[in-house]
Amino acid sequence: DQYVQVQQSTRKPSVFIDEASQGATATDVTEEIGGRSWTRYEGG
């Protein structure tokens, strides 16, 4: 019973990430997933 969404946009990244992640903040942790480097964000 959890929710996971995928969102993509050409909007300014800082504004878009804040909106899509509902205010989560970037961490120093990155993950290699599917040959791409993803940054972890944690939020309330």
PDB file of all heavy atoms in Angstrom:
ATOM      1  N   ASP A   1       0.810  -1.235   0.000  1.00  0.00           N
ATOM      2  CA  ASP A   1       0.000   0.000   0.000  1.00  0.00           C
ATOM      3  C   ASP A   1       0.837   1.275   0.000  1.00  0.00           C
ATOM      4  O   ASP A   1       0.551   2.213   0.738  1.00  0.00           O
ATOM      5  CB  ASP A   1      -0.971   0.017   1.184  1.00  0.00           C
ATOM      6  CG  ASP A   1      -2.059  -1.036   1.045  1.00  0.00           C
ATOM      7  OD1 ASP A   1      -2.434  -1.346  -0.106  1.00  0.00           O
ATOM      8  OD2 ASP A   1      -2.521  -1.549   2.071  1.00  0.00           O
ATOM      9  N   GLN A   2       1.875   1.306  -0.808  1.00  0.00           N
ATOM     10  CA  GLN A   2       2.683   2.508  -0.955  1.00  0.00           C
ATOM     11  C   GLN A   2       2.443   3.104  -2.344  1.00  0.00           C
ATOM     12  O   GLN A   2       1.767   2.513  -3.184  1.00  0.00           O
ATOM     13  CB  GLN A   2       4.173   2.180  -0.754  1.00  0.00           C
ATOM     14  CG  GLN A   2       4.496   1.664   0.633  1.00  0.00           C
ATOM     15  CD  GLN A   2       4.139   2.649   1.733  1.00  0.00           C
ATOM     16  OE1 GLN A   2       4.385   3.838   1.622  1.00  0.00           O
ATOM     17  NE2 GLN A   2       3.542   2.141   2.812  1.00  0.00           N
ATOM     18  N   TYR A   3       3.008   4.289  -2.566  1.00  0.00           N
ATOM     19  CA  TYR A   3       2.839   4.993  -3.835  1.00  0.00           C
ATOM     20  C   TYR A   3       4.217   5.339  -4.397  1.00  0.00           C
ATOM     21  O   TYR A   3       5.083   5.828  -3.666  1.00  0.00           O
ATOM     22  CB  TYR A   3       2.029   6.277  -3.606  1.00  0.00           C
ATOM     23  CG  TYR A   3       1.849   7.107  -4.847  1.00  0.00           C
ATOM     24  CD1 TYR A   3       0.980   6.695  -5.851  1.00  0.00           C
ATOM     25  CD2 TYR A   3       2.548   8.293  -5.017  1.00  0.00           C
ATOM     26  CE1 TYR A   3       0.817   7.448  -6.995  1.00  0.00           C
ATOM     27  CE2 TYR A   3       2.388   9.059  -6.162  1.00  0.00           C
ATOM     28  CZ  TYR A   3       1.518   8.627  -7.146  1.00  0.00           C
ATOM     29  OH  TYR A   3       1.354   9.374  -8.279  1.00  0.00           O
ATOM     30  N   VAL A   4       4.407   5.069  -5.675  1.00  0.00           N
ATOM     31  CA  VAL A   4       5.640   5.420  -6.381  1.00  0.00           C
ATOM     32  C   VAL A   4       5.248   6.058  -7.707  1.00  0.00           C
ATOM     33  O   VAL A   4       4.403   5.523  -8.432  1.00  0.00           O
ATOM     34  CB  VAL A   4       6.541   4.187  -6.619  1.00  0.00           C
ATOM     35  CG1 VAL A   4       7.732   4.547  -7.498  1.00  0.00           C
ATOM     36  CG2 VAL A   4       7.025   3.617  -5.293  1.00  0.00           C
ATOM     37  N   GLN A   5       5.858   7.189  -8.014  1.00  0.00           N
ATOM     38  CA  GLN A   5       5.556   7.884  -9.258  1.00  0.00           C
ATOM     39  C   GLN A   5       6.826   8.151 -10.052  1.00  0.00           C
ATOM     40  O   GLN A   5       7.911   8.261  -9.488  1.00  0.00           O
ATOM     41  CB  GLN A   5       4.863   9.211  -8.979  1.00  0.00           C
ATOM     42  CG  GLN A   5       5.752  10.206  -8.262  1.00  0.00           C
ATOM     43  CD  GLN A   5       5.054  11.516  -7.957  1.00  0.00           C
ATOM     44  OE1 GLN A   5       3.895  11.700  -8.261  1.00  0.00           O
ATOM     45  NE2 GLN A   5       5.785  12.442  -7.368  1.00  0.00           N
ATOM     46  N   VAL A   6       6.647   8.257 -11.352  1.00  0.00           N
ATOM     47  CA  VAL A   6       7.716   8.677 -12.257  1.00  0.00           C
ATOM     48  C   VAL A   6       7.261  10.005 -12.834  1.00  0.00           C
ATOM     49  O   VAL A   6       6.139  10.109 -13.331  1.00  0.00           O
ATOM     50  CB  VAL A   6       7.901   7.672 -13.414  1.00  0.00           C
ATOM     51  CG1 VAL A   6       8.946   8.174 -14.400  1.00  0.00           C
ATOM     52  CG2 VAL A   6       8.253   6.307 -12.886  1.00  0.00           C
ATOM     53  N   GLN A   7       8.116  11.004 -12.745  1.00  0.00           N
ATOM     54  CA  GLN A   7       7.802  12.290 -13.349  1.00  0.00           C
ATOM     55  C   GLN A   7       9.012  12.772 -14.131  1.00  0.00           C
ATOM     56  O   GLN A   7      10.149  12.597 -13.686  1.00  0.00           O
ATOM     57  CB  GLN A   7       7.425  13.331 -12.292  1.00  0.00           C
ATOM     58  CG  GLN A   7       6.073  13.049 -11.662  1.00  0.00           C
ATOM     59  CD  GLN A   7       5.496  14.280 -11.017  1.00  0.00           C
ATOM     60  OE1 GLN A   7       5.319  15.314 -11.663  1.00  0.00           O
ATOM     61  NE2 GLN A   7       5.197  14.177  -9.740  1.00  0.00           N
ATOM     62  N   GLN A   8       8.739  13.364 -15.277  1.00  0.00           N
ATOM     63  CA  GLN A   8       9.784  13.967 -16.099  1.00  0.00           C
ATOM     64  C   GLN A   8       9.296  15.324 -16.550  1.00  0.00           C
ATOM     65  O   GLN A   8       8.099  15.519 -16.785  1.00  0.00           O
ATOM     66  CB  GLN A   8      10.066  13.120 -17.342  1.00  0.00           C
ATOM     67  CG  GLN A   8      10.753  11.814 -17.062  1.00  0.00           C
ATOM     68  CD  GLN A   8      10.986  11.046 -18.338  1.00  0.00           C
ATOM     69  OE1 GLN A   8      10.053  10.484 -18.890  1.00  0.00           O
ATOM     70  NE2 GLN A   8      12.230  11.016 -18.786  1.00  0.00           N
ATOM     71  N   SER A   9      10.239  16.248 -16.712  1.00  0.00           N
ATOM     72  CA  SER A   9       9.861  17.585 -17.150  1.00  0.00           C
ATOM     73  C   SER A   9      11.075  18.343 -17.666  1.00  0.00           C
ATOM     74  O   SER A   9      12.209  18.061 -17.271  1.00  0.00           O
ATOM     75  CB  SER A   9       9.222  18.362 -15.993  1.00  0.00           C
ATOM     76  OG  SER A   9       8.826  19.649 -16.416  1.00  0.00           O
ATOM     77  N   THR A  10      10.790  19.324 -18.514  1.00  0.00           N
ATOM     78  CA  THR A  10      11.833  20.237 -18.982  1.00  0.00           C
ATOM     79  C   THR A  10      11.872  21.494 -18.124  1.00  0.00           C
ATOM     80  O   THR A  10      12.631  22.410 -18.405  1.00  0.00           O
ATOM     81  CB  THR A  10      11.583  20.640 -20.452  1.00  0.00           C
ATOM     82  OG1 THR A  10      10.281  21.223 -20.558  1.00  0.00           O
ATOM     83  CG2 THR A  10      11.697  19.437 -21.374  1.00  0.00           C
ATOM     84  N   ARG A  11      11.053  21.532 -17.097  1.00  0.00           N
ATOM     85  CA  ARG A  11      11.030  22.668 -16.176  1.00  0.00           C
ATOM     86  C   ARG A  11      12.394  22.821 -15.493  1.00  0.00           C
ATOM     87  O   ARG A  11      13.159  21.862 -15.395  1.00  0.00           O
ATOM     88  CB  ARG A  11       9.948  22.421 -15.133  1.00  0.00           C
ATOM     89  CG  ARG A  11       9.631  23.591 -14.273  1.00  0.00           C
ATOM     90  CD  ARG A  11       8.442  23.255 -13.412  1.00  0.00           C
ATOM     91  NE  ARG A  11       7.982  24.433 -12.722  1.00  0.00           N
ATOM     92  CZ  ARG A  11       7.014  24.450 -11.847  1.00  0.00           C
ATOM     93  NH1 ARG A  11       6.371  23.334 -11.567  1.00  0.00           N
ATOM     94  NH2 ARG A  11       6.655  25.557 -11.264  1.00  0.00           N
ATOM     95  N   LYS A  12      12.680  24.011 -14.979  1.00  0.00           N
ATOM     96  CA  LYS A  12      13.924  24.262 -14.260  1.00  0.00           C
ATOM     97  C   LYS A  12      14.088  23.163 -13.201  1.00  0.00           C
ATOM     98  O   LYS A  12      13.217  22.966 -12.354  1.00  0.00           O
ATOM     99  CB  LYS A  12      13.874  25.636 -13.610  1.00  0.00           C
ATOM    100  CG  LYS A  12      15.129  26.012 -12.872  1.00  0.00           C
ATOM    101  CD  LYS A  12      15.005  27.401 -12.262  1.00  0.00           C
ATOM    102  CE  LYS A  12      16.237  27.701 -11.436  1.00  0.00           C
ATOM    103  NZ  LYS A  12      16.096  28.958 -10.707  1.00  0.00           N
ATOM    104  N   PRO A  13      15.217  22.422 -13.234  1.00  0.00           N
ATOM    105  CA  PRO A  13      15.366  21.251 -12.361  1.00  0.00           C
ATOM    106  C   PRO A  13      15.115  21.501 -10.880  1.00  0.00           C
ATOM    107  O   PRO A  13      14.431  20.711 -10.231  1.00  0.00           O
ATOM    108  CB  PRO A  13      16.810  20.803 -12.610  1.00  0.00           C
ATOM    109  CG  PRO A  13      17.080  21.237 -14.006  1.00  0.00           C
ATOM    110  CD  PRO A  13      16.349  22.555 -14.146  1.00  0.00           C
ATOM    111  N   SER A  14      15.639  22.587 -10.315  1.00  0.00           N
ATOM    112  CA  SER A  14      15.470  22.801  -8.873  1.00  0.00           C
ATOM    113  C   SER A  14      13.996  22.949  -8.496  1.00  0.00           C
ATOM    114  O   SER A  14      13.543  22.399  -7.495  1.00  0.00           O
ATOM    115  CB  SER A  14      16.263  24.022  -8.414  1.00  0.00           C
ATOM    116  OG  SER A  14      15.818  25.184  -9.090  1.00  0.00           O
ATOM    117  N   VAL A  15      13.233  23.648  -9.308  1.00  0.00           N
ATOM    118  CA  VAL A  15      11.800  23.843  -9.043  1.00  0.00           C
ATOM    119  C   VAL A  15      11.052  22.532  -9.241  1.00  0.00           C
ATOM    120  O   VAL A  15      10.221  22.128  -8.417  1.00  0.00           O
ATOM    121  CB  VAL A  15      11.220  24.952  -9.953  1.00  0.00           C
ATOM    122  CG1 VAL A  15       9.717  25.058  -9.798  1.00  0.00           C
ATOM    123  CG2 VAL A  15      11.896  26.276  -9.671  1.00  0.00           C
ATOM    124  N   PHE A  16      11.352  21.847 -10.343  1.00  0.00           N
ATOM    125  CA  PHE A  16      10.664  20.598 -10.656  1.00  0.00           C
ATOM    126  C   PHE A  16      10.942  19.522  -9.607  1.00  0.00           C
ATOM    127  O   PHE A  16      10.028  18.837  -9.143  1.00  0.00           O
ATOM    128  CB  PHE A  16      11.071  20.108 -12.046  1.00  0.00           C
ATOM    129  CG  PHE A  16      10.527  18.761 -12.381  1.00  0.00           C
ATOM    130  CD1 PHE A  16       9.166  18.551 -12.520  1.00  0.00           C
ATOM    131  CD2 PHE A  16      11.375  17.674 -12.537  1.00  0.00           C
ATOM    132  CE1 PHE A  16       8.649  17.301 -12.813  1.00  0.00           C
ATOM    133  CE2 PHE A  16      10.881  16.426 -12.828  1.00  0.00           C
ATOM    134  CZ  PHE A  16       9.520  16.229 -12.973  1.00  0.00           C
ATOM    135  N   ILE A  17      12.195  19.357  -9.217  1.00  0.00           N
ATOM    136  CA  ILE A  17      12.550  18.331  -8.224  1.00  0.00           C
ATOM    137  C   ILE A  17      11.862  18.613  -6.892  1.00  0.00           C
ATOM    138  O   ILE A  17      11.324  17.711  -6.253  1.00  0.00           O
ATOM    139  CB  ILE A  17      14.085  18.244  -8.047  1.00  0.00           C
ATOM    140  CG1 ILE A  17      14.729  17.721  -9.331  1.00  0.00           C
ATOM    141  CG2 ILE A  17      14.446  17.356  -6.867  1.00  0.00           C
ATOM    142  CD1 ILE A  17      16.241  17.880  -9.382  1.00  0.00           C
ATOM    143  N   ASP A  18      11.850  19.866  -6.483  1.00  0.00           N
ATOM    144  CA  ASP A  18      11.198  20.230  -5.227  1.00  0.00           C
ATOM    145  C   ASP A  18       9.710  19.891  -5.269  1.00  0.00           C
ATOM    146  O   ASP A  18       9.160  19.349  -4.315  1.00  0.00           O
ATOM    147  CB  ASP A  18      11.399  21.722  -4.939  1.00  0.00           C
ATOM    148  CG  ASP A  18      10.872  22.101  -3.570  1.00  0.00           C
ATOM    149  OD1 ASP A  18      11.357  21.540  -2.563  1.00  0.00           O
ATOM    150  OD2 ASP A  18       9.952  22.948  -3.507  1.00  0.00           O
ATOM    151  N   GLU A  19       9.075  20.173  -6.389  1.00  0.00           N
ATOM    152  CA  GLU A  19       7.641  19.896  -6.525  1.00  0.00           C
ATOM    153  C   GLU A  19       7.376  18.393  -6.611  1.00  0.00           C
ATOM    154  O   GLU A  19       6.510  17.866  -5.921  1.00  0.00           O
ATOM    155  CB  GLU A  19       7.111  20.597  -7.771  1.00  0.00           C
ATOM    156  CG  GLU A  19       5.627  20.474  -7.950  1.00  0.00           C
ATOM    157  CD  GLU A  19       5.178  21.227  -9.182  1.00  0.00           C
ATOM    158  OE1 GLU A  19       5.134  22.469  -9.132  1.00  0.00           O
ATOM    159  OE2 GLU A  19       4.883  20.565 -10.196  1.00  0.00           O
ATOM    160  N   ALA A  20       8.118  17.692  -7.456  1.00  0.00           N
ATOM    161  CA  ALA A  20       7.883  16.261  -7.670  1.00  0.00           C
ATOM    162  C   ALA A  20       8.213  15.429  -6.432  1.00  0.00           C
ATOM    163  O   ALA A  20       7.592  14.397  -6.190  1.00  0.00           O
ATOM    164  CB  ALA A  20       8.700  15.769  -8.858  1.00  0.00           C
ATOM    165  N   SER A  21       9.187  15.872  -5.650  1.00  0.00           N
ATOM    166  CA  SER A  21       9.577  15.116  -4.448  1.00  0.00           C
ATOM    167  C   SER A  21       8.911  15.645  -3.184  1.00  0.00           C
ATOM    168  O   SER A  21       9.202  15.174  -2.090  1.00  0.00           O
ATOM    169  CB  SER A  21      11.094  15.170  -4.267  1.00  0.00           C
ATOM    170  OG  SER A  21      11.503  16.471  -3.903  1.00  0.00           O
ATOM    171  N   GLN A  22       8.043  16.630  -3.347  1.00  0.00           N
ATOM    172  CA  GLN A  22       7.327  17.260  -2.245  1.00  0.00           C
ATOM    173  C   GLN A  22       8.287  17.766  -1.172  1.00  0.00           C
ATOM    174  O   GLN A  22       8.111  17.522   0.021  1.00  0.00           O
ATOM    175  CB  GLN A  22       6.273  16.333  -1.672  1.00  0.00           C
ATOM    176  CG  GLN A  22       5.208  16.020  -2.692  1.00  0.00           C
ATOM    177  CD  GLN A  22       3.929  15.518  -2.095  1.00  0.00           C
ATOM    178  OE1 GLN A  22       3.755  15.445  -0.887  1.00  0.00           O
ATOM    179  NE2 GLN A  22       2.986  15.187  -2.956  1.00  0.00           N
ATOM    180  N   GLY A  23       9.331  18.457  -1.632  1.00  0.00           N
ATOM    181  CA  GLY A  23      10.235  19.129  -0.713  1.00  0.00           C
ATOM    182  C   GLY A  23      11.380  18.302  -0.175  1.00  0.00           C
ATOM    183  O   GLY A  23      12.070  18.739   0.749  1.00  0.00           O
ATOM    184  N   ALA A  24      11.611  17.122  -0.733  1.00  0.00           N
ATOM    185  CA  ALA A  24      12.735  16.306  -0.272  1.00  0.00           C
ATOM    186  C   ALA A  24      14.045  17.021  -0.599  1.00  0.00           C
ATOM    187  O   ALA A  24      14.127  17.808  -1.536  1.00  0.00           O
ATOM    188  CB  ALA A  24      12.703  14.929  -0.930  1.00  0.00           C
ATOM    189  N   THR A  25      15.086  16.743   0.191  1.00  0.00           N
ATOM    190  CA  THR A  25      16.379  17.393  -0.023  1.00  0.00           C
ATOM    191  C   THR A  25      17.412  16.378  -0.480  1.00  0.00           C
ATOM    192  O   THR A  25      17.386  15.210  -0.083  1.00  0.00           O
ATOM    193  CB  THR A  25      16.872  18.100   1.260  1.00  0.00           C
ATOM    194  OG1 THR A  25      16.900  17.151   2.320  1.00  0.00           O
ATOM    195  CG2 THR A  25      15.955  19.243   1.646  1.00  0.00           C
ATOM    196  N   ALA A  26      18.346  16.857  -1.292  1.00  0.00           N
ATOM    197  CA  ALA A  26      19.386  15.995  -1.849  1.00  0.00           C
ATOM    198  C   ALA A  26      20.309  15.492  -0.753  1.00  0.00           C
ATOM    199  O   ALA A  26      20.590  16.195   0.217  1.00  0.00           O
ATOM    200  CB  ALA A  26      20.187  16.759  -2.896  1.00  0.00           C
ATOM    201  N   THR A  27      20.777  14.274  -0.927  1.00  0.00           N
ATOM    202  CA  THR A  27      21.793  13.703  -0.051  1.00  0.00           C
ATOM    203  C   THR A  27      23.081  13.567  -0.868  1.00  0.00           C
ATOM    204  O   THR A  27      23.094  13.842  -2.064  1.00  0.00           O
ATOM    205  CB  THR A  27      21.372  12.317   0.473  1.00  0.00           C
ATOM    206  OG1 THR A  27      21.355  11.401  -0.614  1.00  0.00           O
ATOM    207  CG2 THR A  27      20.016  12.369   1.156  1.00  0.00           C
ATOM    208  N   ASP A  28      24.137  13.119  -0.238  1.00  0.00           N
ATOM    209  CA  ASP A  28      25.394  12.877  -0.944  1.00  0.00           C
ATOM    210  C   ASP A  28      25.438  11.484  -1.564  1.00  0.00           C
ATOM    211  O   ASP A  28      26.428  11.109  -2.179  1.00  0.00           O
ATOM    212  CB  ASP A  28      26.576  13.034   0.020  1.00  0.00           C
ATOM    213  CG  ASP A  28      26.731  14.477   0.487  1.00  0.00           C
ATOM    214  OD1 ASP A  28      26.360  15.392  -0.270  1.00  0.00           O
ATOM    215  OD2 ASP A  28      27.227  14.680   1.616  1.00  0.00           O
ATOM    216  N   VAL A  29      24.358  10.724  -1.404  1.00  0.00           N
ATOM    217  CA  VAL A  29      24.327   9.345  -1.872  1.00  0.00           C
ATOM    218  C   VAL A  29      23.861   9.304  -3.324  1.00  0.00           C
ATOM    219  O   VAL A  29      22.841   9.889  -3.682  1.00  0.00           O
ATOM    220  CB  VAL A  29      23.373   8.494  -0.997  1.00  0.00           C
ATOM    221  CG1 VAL A  29      23.313   7.062  -1.497  1.00  0.00           C
ATOM    222  CG2 VAL A  29      23.798   8.544   0.459  1.00  0.00           C
ATOM    223  N   THR A  30      24.627   8.604  -4.167  1.00  0.00           N
ATOM    224  CA  THR A  30      24.211   8.342  -5.546  1.00  0.00           C
ATOM    225  C   THR A  30      24.185   6.839  -5.750  1.00  0.00           C
ATOM    226  O   THR A  30      24.905   6.093  -5.071  1.00  0.00           O
ATOM    227  CB  THR A  30      25.171   8.991  -6.577  1.00  0.00           C
ATOM    228  OG1 THR A  30      26.475   8.476  -6.365  1.00  0.00           O
ATOM    229  CG2 THR A  30      25.154  10.501  -6.457  1.00  0.00           C
ATOM    230  N   GLU A  31      23.329   6.401  -6.672  1.00  0.00           N
ATOM    231  CA  GLU A  31      23.200   4.978  -6.970  1.00  0.00           C
ATOM    232  C   GLU A  31      23.319   4.774  -8.472  1.00  0.00           C
ATOM    233  O   GLU A  31      22.743   5.536  -9.243  1.00  0.00           O
ATOM    234  CB  GLU A  31      21.831   4.456  -6.522  1.00  0.00           C
ATOM    235  CG  GLU A  31      21.616   4.439  -5.041  1.00  0.00           C
ATOM    236  CD  GLU A  31      20.266   3.826  -4.675  1.00  0.00           C
ATOM    237  OE1 GLU A  31      19.898   2.795  -5.276  1.00  0.00           O
ATOM    238  OE2 GLU A  31      19.606   4.385  -3.796  1.00  0.00           O
ATOM    239  N   GLU A  32      24.039   3.748  -8.861  1.00  0.00           N
ATOM    240  CA  GLU A  32      24.099   3.352 -10.261  1.00  0.00           C
ATOM    241  C   GLU A  32      22.933   2.409 -10.511  1.00  0.00           C
ATOM    242  O   GLU A  32      22.897   1.309  -9.956  1.00  0.00           O
ATOM    243  CB  GLU A  32      25.405   2.632 -10.578  1.00  0.00           C
ATOM    244  CG  GLU A  32      26.578   3.518 -10.862  1.00  0.00           C
ATOM    245  CD  GLU A  32      26.406   4.415 -12.087  1.00  0.00           C
ATOM    246  OE1 GLU A  32      26.029   3.933 -13.180  1.00  0.00           O
ATOM    247  OE2 GLU A  32      26.648   5.621 -11.936  1.00  0.00           O
ATOM    248  N   ILE A  33      21.995   2.847 -11.303  1.00  0.00           N
ATOM    249  CA  ILE A  33      20.822   2.035 -11.618  1.00  0.00           C
ATOM    250  C   ILE A  33      20.653   2.060 -13.133  1.00  0.00           C
ATOM    251  O   ILE A  33      20.489   3.125 -13.726  1.00  0.00           O
ATOM    252  CB  ILE A  33      19.541   2.576 -10.945  1.00  0.00           C
ATOM    253  CG1 ILE A  33      19.729   2.694  -9.434  1.00  0.00           C
ATOM    254  CG2 ILE A  33      18.350   1.696 -11.276  1.00  0.00           C
ATOM    255  CD1 ILE A  33      18.630   3.461  -8.723  1.00  0.00           C
ATOM    256  N   GLY A  34      20.707   0.902 -13.744  1.00  0.00           N
ATOM    257  CA  GLY A  34      20.535   0.828 -15.186  1.00  0.00           C
ATOM    258  C   GLY A  34      21.590   1.609 -15.964  1.00  0.00           C
ATOM    259  O   GLY A  34      21.293   2.166 -17.017  1.00  0.00           O
ATOM    260  N   GLY A  35      22.796   1.689 -15.432  1.00  0.00           N
ATOM    261  CA  GLY A  35      23.859   2.400 -16.111  1.00  0.00           C
ATOM    262  C   GLY A  35      23.798   3.907 -15.982  1.00  0.00           C
ATOM    263  O   GLY A  35      24.519   4.632 -16.664  1.00  0.00           O
ATOM    264  N   ARG A  36      22.924   4.402 -15.097  1.00  0.00           N
ATOM    265  CA  ARG A  36      22.784   5.843 -14.889  1.00  0.00           C
ATOM    266  C   ARG A  36      22.998   6.165 -13.412  1.00  0.00           C
ATOM    267  O   ARG A  36      22.684   5.371 -12.542  1.00  0.00           O
ATOM    268  CB  ARG A  36      21.403   6.317 -15.324  1.00  0.00           C
ATOM    269  CG  ARG A  36      21.149   6.116 -16.801  1.00  0.00           C
ATOM    270  CD  ARG A  36      19.765   6.646 -17.153  1.00  0.00           C
ATOM    271  NE  ARG A  36      19.460   6.353 -18.535  1.00  0.00           N
ATOM    272  CZ  ARG A  36      18.809   5.271 -18.946  1.00  0.00           C
ATOM    273  NH1 ARG A  36      18.374   4.392 -18.098  1.00  0.00           N
ATOM    274  NH2 ARG A  36      18.574   5.096 -20.223  1.00  0.00           N
ATOM    275  N   SER A  37      23.476   7.372 -13.152  1.00  0.00           N
ATOM    276  CA  SER A  37      23.748   7.796 -11.784  1.00  0.00           C
ATOM    277  C   SER A  37      22.566   8.607 -11.237  1.00  0.00           C
ATOM    278  O   SER A  37      22.303   9.721 -11.685  1.00  0.00           O
ATOM    279  CB  SER A  37      25.022   8.646 -11.754  1.00  0.00           C
ATOM    280  OG  SER A  37      25.314   9.001 -10.436  1.00  0.00           O
ATOM    281  N   TRP A  38      21.855   8.022 -10.269  1.00  0.00           N
ATOM    282  CA  TRP A  38      20.695   8.644  -9.641  1.00  0.00           C
ATOM    283  C   TRP A  38      21.114   9.212  -8.286  1.00  0.00           C
ATOM    284  O   TRP A  38      21.850   8.579  -7.541  1.00  0.00           O
ATOM    285  CB  TRP A  38      19.601   7.613  -9.416  1.00  0.00           C
ATOM    286  CG  TRP A  38      19.002   7.037 -10.655  1.00  0.00           C
ATOM    287  CD1 TRP A  38      19.548   6.087 -11.469  1.00  0.00           C
ATOM    288  CD2 TRP A  38      17.734   7.361 -11.218  1.00  0.00           C
ATOM    289  NE1 TRP A  38      18.701   5.798 -12.497  1.00  0.00           N
ATOM    290  CE2 TRP A  38      17.570   6.564 -12.376  1.00  0.00           C
ATOM    291  CE3 TRP A  38      16.714   8.238 -10.865  1.00  0.00           C
ATOM    292  CZ2 TRP A  38      16.433   6.618 -13.164  1.00  0.00           C
ATOM    293  CZ3 TRP A  38      15.578   8.290 -11.653  1.00  0.00           C
ATOM    294  CH2 TRP A  38      15.439   7.496 -12.797  1.00  0.00           C
ATOM    295  N   THR A  39      20.598  10.379  -7.942  1.00  0.00           N
ATOM    296  CA  THR A  39      20.870  11.006  -6.649  1.00  0.00           C
ATOM    297  C   THR A  39      19.697  10.751  -5.716  1.00  0.00           C
ATOM    298  O   THR A  39      18.536  10.932  -6.102  1.00  0.00           O
ATOM    299  CB  THR A  39      21.078  12.529  -6.805  1.00  0.00           C
ATOM    300  OG1 THR A  39      22.141  12.739  -7.735  1.00  0.00           O
ATOM    301  CG2 THR A  39      21.423  13.182  -5.475  1.00  0.00           C
ATOM    302  N   ARG A  40      20.001  10.364  -4.476  1.00  0.00           N
ATOM    303  CA  ARG A  40      18.960  10.148  -3.461  1.00  0.00           C
ATOM    304  C   ARG A  40      18.532  11.474  -2.849  1.00  0.00           C
ATOM    305  O   ARG A  40      19.362  12.310  -2.510  1.00  0.00           O
ATOM    306  CB  ARG A  40      19.479   9.271  -2.333  1.00  0.00           C
ATOM    307  CG  ARG A  40      19.232   7.838  -2.502  1.00  0.00           C
ATOM    308  CD  ARG A  40      19.526   7.118  -1.197  1.00  0.00           C
ATOM    309  NE  ARG A  40      19.410   5.686  -1.434  1.00  0.00           N
ATOM    310  CZ  ARG A  40      19.179   4.813  -0.490  1.00  0.00           C
ATOM    311  NH1 ARG A  40      19.067   5.192   0.766  1.00  0.00           N
ATOM    312  NH2 ARG A  40      19.077   3.549  -0.782  1.00  0.00           N
ATOM    313  N   TYR A  41      17.226  11.600  -2.666  1.00  0.00           N
ATOM    314  CA  TYR A  41      16.640  12.731  -1.961  1.00  0.00           C
ATOM    315  C   TYR A  41      15.809  12.145  -0.832  1.00  0.00           C
ATOM    316  O   TYR A  41      15.129  11.140  -1.022  1.00  0.00           O
ATOM    317  CB  TYR A  41      15.723  13.549  -2.882  1.00  0.00           C
ATOM    318  CG  TYR A  41      16.444  14.524  -3.790  1.00  0.00           C
ATOM    319  CD1 TYR A  41      17.324  14.091  -4.773  1.00  0.00           C
ATOM    320  CD2 TYR A  41      16.220  15.888  -3.662  1.00  0.00           C
ATOM    321  CE1 TYR A  41      17.968  14.986  -5.602  1.00  0.00           C
ATOM    322  CE2 TYR A  41      16.873  16.796  -4.494  1.00  0.00           C
ATOM    323  CZ  TYR A  41      17.734  16.326  -5.458  1.00  0.00           C
ATOM    324  OH  TYR A  41      18.378  17.226  -6.270  1.00  0.00           O
ATOM    325  N   GLU A  42      15.854  12.782   0.333  1.00  0.00           N
ATOM    326  CA  GLU A  42      15.070  12.317   1.472  1.00  0.00           C
ATOM    327  C   GLU A  42      14.149  13.430   1.938  1.00  0.00           C
ATOM    328  O   GLU A  42      14.542  14.598   1.966  1.00  0.00           O
ATOM    329  CB  GLU A  42      15.990  11.874   2.618  1.00  0.00           C
ATOM    330  CG  GLU A  42      16.799  10.645   2.274  1.00  0.00           C
ATOM    331  CD  GLU A  42      17.721  10.204   3.394  1.00  0.00           C
ATOM    332  OE1 GLU A  42      17.826  10.911   4.419  1.00  0.00           O
ATOM    333  OE2 GLU A  42      18.338   9.138   3.224  1.00  0.00           O
ATOM    334  N   GLY A  43      12.931  13.050   2.294  1.00  0.00           N
ATOM    335  CA  GLY A  43      11.969  14.048   2.730  1.00  0.00           C
ATOM    336  C   GLY A  43      11.007  13.505   3.762  1.00  0.00           C
ATOM    337  O   GLY A  43      10.994  12.312   4.063  1.00  0.00           O
ATOM    338  N   GLY A  44      10.178  14.388   4.275  1.00  0.00           N
ATOM    339  CA  GLY A  44       9.199  14.008   5.275  1.00  0.00           C
ATOM    340  C   GLY A  44       8.071  13.188   4.701  1.00  0.00           C
ATOM    341  O   GLY A  44       7.632  12.201   5.291  1.00  0.00           O
TER     342      GLY A  44
END
